[in-house]
C-alpha atoms as a PDB file:
ATOM      1  CA  MET A   1      98.288  81.375 -48.672  1.00  0.00           C
ATOM      2  CA  ALA A   2      97.632  85.101 -48.435  1.00  0.00           C
ATOM      3  CA  TRP A   3      99.973  87.993 -47.634  1.00  0.00           C
ATOM      4  CA  PHE A   4      98.767  90.726 -45.257  1.00  0.00           C
ATOM      5  CA  THR A   5     100.647  93.980 -44.566  1.00  0.00           C
ATOM      6  CA  ALA A   6      99.924  97.646 -43.915  1.00  0.00           C
ATOM      7  CA  GLY A   7     103.111  98.493 -45.830  1.00  0.00           C
ATOM      8  CA  ALA A   8     106.109 100.459 -44.646  1.00  0.00           C
ATOM      9  CA  GLN A   9     105.117 102.854 -41.859  1.00  0.00           C
ATOM     10  CA  THR A  10     107.150 106.005 -41.141  1.00  0.00           C
ATOM     11  CA  ASN A  11     107.228 107.193 -37.520  1.00  0.00           C
ATOM     12  CA  PRO A  12     104.327 104.931 -36.469  1.00  0.00           C
ATOM     13  CA  ALA A  13     102.493 105.783 -33.249  1.00  0.00           C
ATOM     14  CA  ILE A  14     102.069 103.563 -30.204  1.00  0.00           C
ATOM     15  CA  ASP A  15      99.750 100.616 -30.915  1.00  0.00           C
ATOM     16  CA  ALA A  16     100.004 101.083 -34.703  1.00  0.00           C
ATOM     17  CA  ILE A  17      98.768  97.991 -36.538  1.00  0.00           C
ATOM     18  CA  LEU A  18     101.541  96.915 -38.889  1.00  0.00           C
ATOM     19  CA  ALA A  19      99.720  93.889 -40.333  1.00  0.00           C
ATOM     20  CA  ASP A  20      96.202  92.476 -39.935  1.00  0.00           C
ATOM     21  CA  THR A  21      94.658  89.417 -41.577  1.00  0.00           C
ATOM     22  CA  LEU A  22      91.169  90.867 -41.034  1.00  0.00           C
ATOM     23  CA  ALA A  23      88.442  88.365 -40.154  1.00  0.00           C
ATOM     24  CA  LEU A  24      89.364  84.904 -41.417  1.00  0.00           C
ATOM     25  CA  THR A  25      86.170  83.419 -42.818  1.00  0.00           C
ATOM     26  CA  ASN A  26      86.903  79.761 -42.197  1.00  0.00           C
ATOM     27  CA  GLY A  27      88.040  78.301 -38.923  1.00  0.00           C
ATOM     28  CA  GLY A  28      90.579  75.534 -38.783  1.00  0.00           C
ATOM     29  CA  VAL A  29      94.271  75.066 -38.273  1.00  0.00           C
ATOM     30  CA  SER A  30      96.871  76.993 -40.227  1.00  0.00           C
ATOM     31  CA  SER A  31     100.470  78.004 -40.089  1.00  0.00           C
ATOM     32  CA  VAL A  32     101.049  81.719 -39.624  1.00  0.00           C
ATOM     33  CA  THR A  33     104.355  83.322 -40.544  1.00  0.00           C
ATOM     34  CA  MET A  34     105.326  86.756 -39.240  1.00  0.00           C
ATOM     35  CA  CYS A  35     108.022  88.907 -40.817  1.00  0.00           C
ATOM     36  CA  VAL A  36     109.001  92.225 -39.194  1.00  0.00           C
ATOM     37  CA  SER A  37     111.746  94.668 -40.042  1.00  0.00           C
ATOM     38  CA  SER A  38     112.593  98.152 -38.812  1.00  0.00           C
ATOM     39  CA  THR A  39     115.225 100.842 -39.252  1.00  0.00           C
ATOM     40  CA  VAL A  40     115.325 101.275 -35.458  1.00  0.00           C
ATOM     41  CA  ALA A  41     114.921  98.886 -32.539  1.00  0.00           C
ATOM     42  CA  CYS A  42     111.294  98.239 -31.622  1.00  0.00           C
ATOM     43  CA  VAL A  43     108.976  95.747 -29.951  1.00  0.00           C
ATOM     44  CA  VAL A  44     105.948  94.235 -31.680  1.00  0.00           C
ATOM     45  CA  ALA A  45     103.148  92.009 -30.422  1.00  0.00           C
ATOM     46  CA  LEU A  46     101.699  89.181 -32.492  1.00  0.00           C
ATOM     47  CA  GLU A  47      98.064  88.872 -31.439  1.00  0.00           C
ATOM     48  CA  GLN A  48      95.305  86.384 -32.147  1.00  0.00           C
ATOM     49  CA  ARG A  49      92.035  88.316 -31.776  1.00  0.00           C
ATOM     50  CA  ASN A  50      88.541  87.012 -31.021  1.00  0.00           C
ATOM     51  CA  ALA A  51      85.784  87.040 -33.657  1.00  0.00           C
ATOM     52  CA  ALA A  52      84.433  90.395 -32.416  1.00  0.00           C
ATOM     53  CA  ASN A  53      87.970  91.868 -32.548  1.00  0.00           C
ATOM     54  CA  THR A  54      87.559  93.119 -28.976  1.00  0.00           C
ATOM     55  CA  ALA A  55      90.100  90.993 -27.080  1.00  0.00           C
ATOM     56  CA  ASN A  56      93.231  88.924 -27.514  1.00  0.00           C
ATOM     57  CA  ILE A  57      92.966  85.161 -27.374  1.00  0.00           C
ATOM     58  CA  ALA A  58      96.750  84.906 -27.345  1.00  0.00           C
ATOM     59  CA  SER A  59      99.639  87.309 -27.754  1.00  0.00           C
ATOM     60  CA  HIS A  60     103.408  87.368 -27.605  1.00  0.00           C
ATOM     61  CA  ILE A  61     105.900  90.228 -27.826  1.00  0.00           C
ATOM     62  CA  PHE A  62     109.007  90.157 -29.985  1.00  0.00           C
ATOM     63  CA  PRO A  63     111.956  92.555 -29.836  1.00  0.00           C
ATOM     64  CA  VAL A  64     113.181  93.624 -33.268  1.00  0.00           C
ATOM     65  CA  ALA A  65     116.715  94.954 -33.620  1.00  0.00           C
ATOM     66  CA  ALA A  66     117.433  97.756 -36.070  1.00  0.00           C
ATOM     67  CA  MET A  67     118.099  96.513 -39.597  1.00  0.00           C
ATOM     68  CA  ALA A  68     117.690  92.848 -38.519  1.00  0.00           C
ATOM     69  CA  PRO A  69     114.475  91.270 -39.871  1.00  0.00           C
ATOM     70  CA  VAL A  70     112.618  88.778 -37.689  1.00  0.00           C
ATOM     71  CA  ILE A  71     110.871  85.875 -39.434  1.00  0.00           C
ATOM     72  CA  ILE A  72     108.997  83.364 -37.314  1.00  0.00           C
ATOM     73  CA  GLU A  73     106.641  80.574 -38.380  1.00  0.00           C
ATOM     74  CA  PHE A  74     103.921  79.279 -36.078  1.00  0.00           C
ATOM     75  CA  PRO A  75     102.782  75.895 -37.435  1.00  0.00           C
ATOM     76  CA  GLY A  76      99.406  74.373 -36.602  1.00  0.00           C
ATOM     77  CA  VAL A  77      97.665  77.385 -35.056  1.00  0.00           C
ATOM     78  CA  PRO A  78      93.951  76.656 -34.419  1.00  0.00           C
ATOM     79  CA  PHE A  79      91.483  79.480 -34.987  1.00  0.00           C
ATOM     80  CA  ALA A  80      87.702  79.894 -35.140  1.00  0.00           C
ATOM     81  CA  PRO A  81      85.712  81.587 -37.933  1.00  0.00           C
ATOM     82  CA  SER A  82      86.087  85.396 -37.973  1.00  0.00           C
ATOM     83  CA  GLU A  83      89.139  85.424 -35.712  1.00  0.00           C
ATOM     84  CA  ARG A  84      92.166  87.356 -36.939  1.00  0.00           C
ATOM     85  CA  PHE A  85      95.881  87.722 -36.423  1.00  0.00           C
ATOM     86  CA  ARG A  86      97.653  91.049 -36.298  1.00  0.00           C
ATOM     87  CA  VAL A  87     101.021  92.605 -35.556  1.00  0.00           C
ATOM     88  CA  ARG A  88     100.859  95.651 -33.276  1.00  0.00           C
ATOM     89  CA  LEU A  89     103.696  98.055 -32.507  1.00  0.00           C
ATOM     90  CA  ASN A  90     104.205  98.142 -28.743  1.00  0.00           C
ATOM     91  CA  ALA A  91     105.610 101.711 -28.528  1.00  0.00           C
ATOM     92  CA  ALA A  92     105.974 104.607 -30.952  1.00  0.00           C
ATOM     93  CA  ILE A  93     109.209 104.829 -32.935  1.00  0.00           C
ATOM     94  CA  THR A  94     111.010 107.416 -34.997  1.00  0.00           C
ATOM     95  CA  GLY A  95     111.978 105.476 -38.084  1.00  0.00           C
ATOM     96  CA  GLN A  96     110.372 102.993 -40.451  1.00  0.00           C
ATOM     97  CA  ALA A  97     108.834  99.617 -39.671  1.00  0.00           C
ATOM     98  CA  GLN A  98     106.929  97.037 -41.657  1.00  0.00           C
ATOM     99  CA  ALA A  99     105.340  93.727 -40.775  1.00  0.00           C
ATOM    100  CA  SER A 100     103.818  91.016 -42.921  1.00  0.00           C
ATOM    101  CA  LEU A 101     101.675  88.029 -42.006  1.00  0.00           C
ATOM    102  CA  PHE A 102     101.410  85.020 -44.255  1.00  0.00           C
ATOM    103  CA  ALA A 103      98.409  82.803 -43.486  1.00  0.00           C
ATOM    104  CA  PHE A 104      95.612  80.815 -45.058  1.00  0.00           C
ATOM    105  CA  PRO A 105      92.435  82.950 -45.001  1.00  0.00           C
END
């Protein structure tokens, strides 16, 4: 299992990528765990991107309360070679936020 994060971001802009697995070389089925925390309330989107990284295959938004980490596991997620998962900030914030993805590359 690998850990992917862009680290703690201060005052991130709209659409900032907080975590990105980059292109996963092997397709298959994996569990993906998302962990997000923030010093202020925010909304993030977990996105499964196509192999060209030009469109979402699936996405879901998650509200994150200030100082209340969100940890969600998605078991048995199918993906094709070179697809990726990422966590994107839905709107700019004034504060700090960090996301991590745990997945099998």
